[in-house]
Amino acid sequence: MDQNRLNYTDCLKIQIYEDFLQSIASVREGTRPDIAFREHEARVYQLRMKVAAAETGHVRQGNVISLVA
């Protein structure tokens, strides 16, 4: 179960990172950085909450401390 949860959080973090890279690309195409950042944060908010919930579950169940990237 713990391995499945780790895989799940890793997948979520990859999605967040890929969206971040898309935001960088949009800035290179002319989007203002502050707008790109706000849009990115709005898109990944739910993913970040899922990561936090899953990692909190790690701490409660396995006494393992996880670092959030």
N, C-alpha and C. Protein backbone atom coordinates (compact mmCIF):
# COMPACT_ATOMS: atom_id res chain seq x y z
N MET A 1 0.82 -1.20 0.00
CA MET A 1 0.00 0.00 0.00
C MET A 1 0.86 1.26 0.00
N ASP A 2 1.91 1.28 0.81
CA ASP A 2 2.77 2.46 0.86
C ASP A 2 3.43 2.71 -0.50
N GLN A 3 3.84 1.64 -1.18
CA GLN A 3 4.46 1.81 -2.50
C GLN A 3 3.46 2.39 -3.50
N ASN A 4 2.22 1.94 -3.42
CA ASN A 4 1.18 2.49 -4.31
C ASN A 4 0.97 3.97 -4.05
N ARG A 5 1.00 4.35 -2.78
CA ARG A 5 0.81 5.76 -2.43
C ARG A 5 1.99 6.59 -2.92
N LEU A 6 3.20 6.05 -2.81
CA LEU A 6 4.37 6.76 -3.32
C LEU A 6 4.27 6.95 -4.83
N ASN A 7 3.87 5.89 -5.53
CA ASN A 7 3.70 6.00 -6.98
C ASN A 7 2.65 7.04 -7.33
N TYR A 8 1.57 7.06 -6.57
CA TYR A 8 0.49 8.02 -6.79
C TYR A 8 0.99 9.45 -6.62
N THR A 9 1.70 9.72 -5.52
CA THR A 9 2.19 11.07 -5.29
C THR A 9 3.24 11.45 -6.33
N ASP A 10 4.07 10.50 -6.73
CA ASP A 10 5.05 10.78 -7.78
C ASP A 10 4.36 11.18 -9.08
N CYS A 11 3.31 10.48 -9.44
CA CYS A 11 2.56 10.81 -10.66
C CYS A 11 1.95 12.20 -10.57
N LEU A 12 1.41 12.54 -9.41
CA LEU A 12 0.83 13.87 -9.23
C LEU A 12 1.91 14.95 -9.35
N LYS A 13 3.06 14.70 -8.75
CA LYS A 13 4.15 15.68 -8.81
C LYS A 13 4.66 15.84 -10.24
N ILE A 14 4.67 14.77 -11.00
CA ILE A 14 5.08 14.85 -12.40
C ILE A 14 4.09 15.71 -13.18
N GLN A 15 2.79 15.55 -12.90
CA GLN A 15 1.79 16.36 -13.58
C GLN A 15 1.98 17.84 -13.24
N ILE A 16 2.28 18.13 -11.98
CA ILE A 16 2.51 19.52 -11.57
C ILE A 16 3.73 20.08 -12.30
N TYR A 17 4.80 19.29 -12.37
CA TYR A 17 6.03 19.74 -13.03
C TYR A 17 5.80 19.95 -14.53
N GLU A 18 5.07 19.05 -15.17
CA GLU A 18 4.80 19.19 -16.60
C GLU A 18 3.98 20.46 -16.87
N ASP A 19 3.04 20.75 -15.99
CA ASP A 19 2.26 21.98 -16.14
C ASP A 19 3.17 23.20 -15.96
N PHE A 20 4.09 23.11 -15.03
CA PHE A 20 5.06 24.19 -14.81
C PHE A 20 5.87 24.44 -16.08
N LEU A 21 6.32 23.36 -16.71
CA LEU A 21 7.09 23.50 -17.95
C LEU A 21 6.24 24.14 -19.06
N GLN A 22 4.96 23.79 -19.10
CA GLN A 22 4.06 24.42 -20.08
C GLN A 22 3.92 25.92 -19.80
N SER A 23 3.91 26.28 -18.53
CA SER A 23 3.83 27.69 -18.16
C SER A 23 5.07 28.44 -18.62
N ILE A 24 6.22 27.82 -18.47
CA ILE A 24 7.46 28.44 -18.95
C ILE A 24 7.40 28.64 -20.45
N ALA A 25 6.91 27.64 -21.15
CA ALA A 25 6.78 27.75 -22.61
C ALA A 25 5.84 28.89 -22.99
N SER A 26 4.76 29.05 -22.23
CA SER A 26 3.82 30.13 -22.54
C SER A 26 4.45 31.50 -22.32
N VAL A 27 5.33 31.60 -21.32
CA VAL A 27 6.04 32.87 -21.09
C VAL A 27 6.96 33.15 -22.27
N ARG A 28 7.62 32.12 -22.76
CA ARG A 28 8.50 32.30 -23.92
C ARG A 28 7.72 32.71 -25.16
N GLU A 29 6.44 32.34 -25.20
CA GLU A 29 5.58 32.70 -26.33
C GLU A 29 4.95 34.08 -26.16
N GLY A 30 5.17 34.70 -25.00
CA GLY A 30 4.69 36.06 -24.84
C GLY A 30 3.74 36.31 -23.67
N THR A 31 3.33 35.28 -22.96
CA THR A 31 2.47 35.48 -21.80
C THR A 31 3.27 36.15 -20.69
N ARG A 32 2.66 37.09 -20.01
CA ARG A 32 3.35 37.74 -18.89
C ARG A 32 3.62 36.70 -17.80
N PRO A 33 4.80 36.73 -17.18
CA PRO A 33 5.15 35.75 -16.16
C PRO A 33 4.16 35.69 -14.99
N ASP A 34 3.69 36.85 -14.53
CA ASP A 34 2.77 36.84 -13.39
C ASP A 34 1.45 36.16 -13.75
N ILE A 35 0.99 36.36 -14.97
CA ILE A 35 -0.24 35.70 -15.41
C ILE A 35 -0.02 34.21 -15.56
N ALA A 36 1.11 33.82 -16.17
CA ALA A 36 1.42 32.40 -16.34
C ALA A 36 1.51 31.70 -14.99
N PHE A 37 2.13 32.36 -14.01
CA PHE A 37 2.27 31.77 -12.69
C PHE A 37 0.90 31.58 -12.02
N ARG A 38 0.07 32.62 -12.08
CA ARG A 38 -1.27 32.51 -11.47
C ARG A 38 -2.10 31.41 -12.13
N GLU A 39 -2.04 31.34 -13.45
CA GLU A 39 -2.79 30.31 -14.16
C GLU A 39 -2.29 28.92 -13.81
N HIS A 40 -0.97 28.78 -13.72
CA HIS A 40 -0.37 27.49 -13.33
C HIS A 40 -0.84 27.09 -11.94
N GLU A 41 -0.76 28.01 -11.00
CA GLU A 41 -1.16 27.71 -9.63
C GLU A 41 -2.64 27.34 -9.55
N ALA A 42 -3.46 28.00 -10.33
CA ALA A 42 -4.89 27.67 -10.33
C ALA A 42 -5.12 26.27 -10.89
N ARG A 43 -4.37 25.91 -11.93
CA ARG A 43 -4.54 24.58 -12.54
C ARG A 43 -4.06 23.46 -11.63
N VAL A 44 -2.99 23.69 -10.88
CA VAL A 44 -2.39 22.60 -10.10
C VAL A 44 -2.82 22.60 -8.63
N TYR A 45 -3.67 23.51 -8.23
CA TYR A 45 -4.08 23.59 -6.83
C TYR A 45 -4.63 22.26 -6.32
N GLN A 46 -5.56 21.67 -7.06
CA GLN A 46 -6.16 20.41 -6.63
C GLN A 46 -5.11 19.30 -6.57
N LEU A 47 -4.17 19.29 -7.51
CA LEU A 47 -3.11 18.29 -7.48
C LEU A 47 -2.25 18.45 -6.23
N ARG A 48 -1.92 19.69 -5.89
CA ARG A 48 -1.12 19.93 -4.68
C ARG A 48 -1.86 19.47 -3.42
N MET A 49 -3.17 19.68 -3.37
CA MET A 49 -3.95 19.23 -2.22
C MET A 49 -3.96 17.70 -2.13
N LYS A 50 -4.03 17.02 -3.27
CA LYS A 50 -3.98 15.56 -3.27
C LYS A 50 -2.63 15.05 -2.80
N VAL A 51 -1.55 15.71 -3.23
CA VAL A 51 -0.20 15.33 -2.78
C VAL A 51 -0.10 15.51 -1.27
N ALA A 52 -0.55 16.65 -0.77
CA ALA A 52 -0.48 16.91 0.67
C ALA A 52 -1.27 15.88 1.45
N ALA A 53 -2.46 15.53 0.98
CA ALA A 53 -3.28 14.54 1.68
C ALA A 53 -2.62 13.18 1.67
N ALA A 54 -2.07 12.79 0.54
CA ALA A 54 -1.41 11.48 0.46
C ALA A 54 -0.17 11.44 1.34
N GLU A 55 0.61 12.52 1.35
CA GLU A 55 1.82 12.53 2.17
C GLU A 55 1.49 12.62 3.65
N THR A 56 0.43 13.27 4.00
CA THR A 56 0.00 13.30 5.40
C THR A 56 -0.39 11.89 5.83
N GLY A 57 -1.01 11.15 4.94
CA GLY A 57 -1.35 9.76 5.22
C GLY A 57 -0.12 8.93 5.50
N HIS A 58 0.98 9.21 4.79
CA HIS A 58 2.24 8.51 5.04
C HIS A 58 2.71 8.74 6.47
N VAL A 59 2.66 9.99 6.88
CA VAL A 59 3.15 10.34 8.21
C VAL A 59 2.32 9.67 9.29
N ARG A 60 1.00 9.69 9.13
CA ARG A 60 0.12 9.12 10.14
C ARG A 60 0.25 7.60 10.22
N GLN A 61 0.34 6.95 9.06
CA GLN A 61 0.30 5.49 9.05
C GLN A 61 1.67 4.85 9.21
N GLY A 62 2.70 5.45 8.62
CA GLY A 62 3.97 4.77 8.62
C GLY A 62 5.07 5.46 9.38
N ASN A 63 4.78 6.57 10.00
CA ASN A 63 5.78 7.35 10.73
C ASN A 63 6.98 7.69 9.85
N VAL A 64 6.71 7.91 8.57
CA VAL A 64 7.74 8.30 7.64
C VAL A 64 7.56 9.77 7.32
N ILE A 65 8.63 10.50 7.36
CA ILE A 65 8.56 11.91 7.04
C ILE A 65 8.83 12.08 5.56
N SER A 66 7.90 12.73 4.86
CA SER A 66 8.05 12.96 3.44
C SER A 66 8.39 14.43 3.20
N LEU A 67 9.19 14.67 2.20
CA LEU A 67 9.50 16.04 1.82
C LEU A 67 8.65 16.39 0.62
N VAL A 68 8.06 17.58 0.65
CA VAL A 68 7.27 18.05 -0.47
C VAL A 68 8.19 18.87 -1.37
N ALA A 69 8.23 18.51 -2.62
CA ALA A 69 9.10 19.22 -3.57
C ALA A 69 8.48 20.50 -4.02
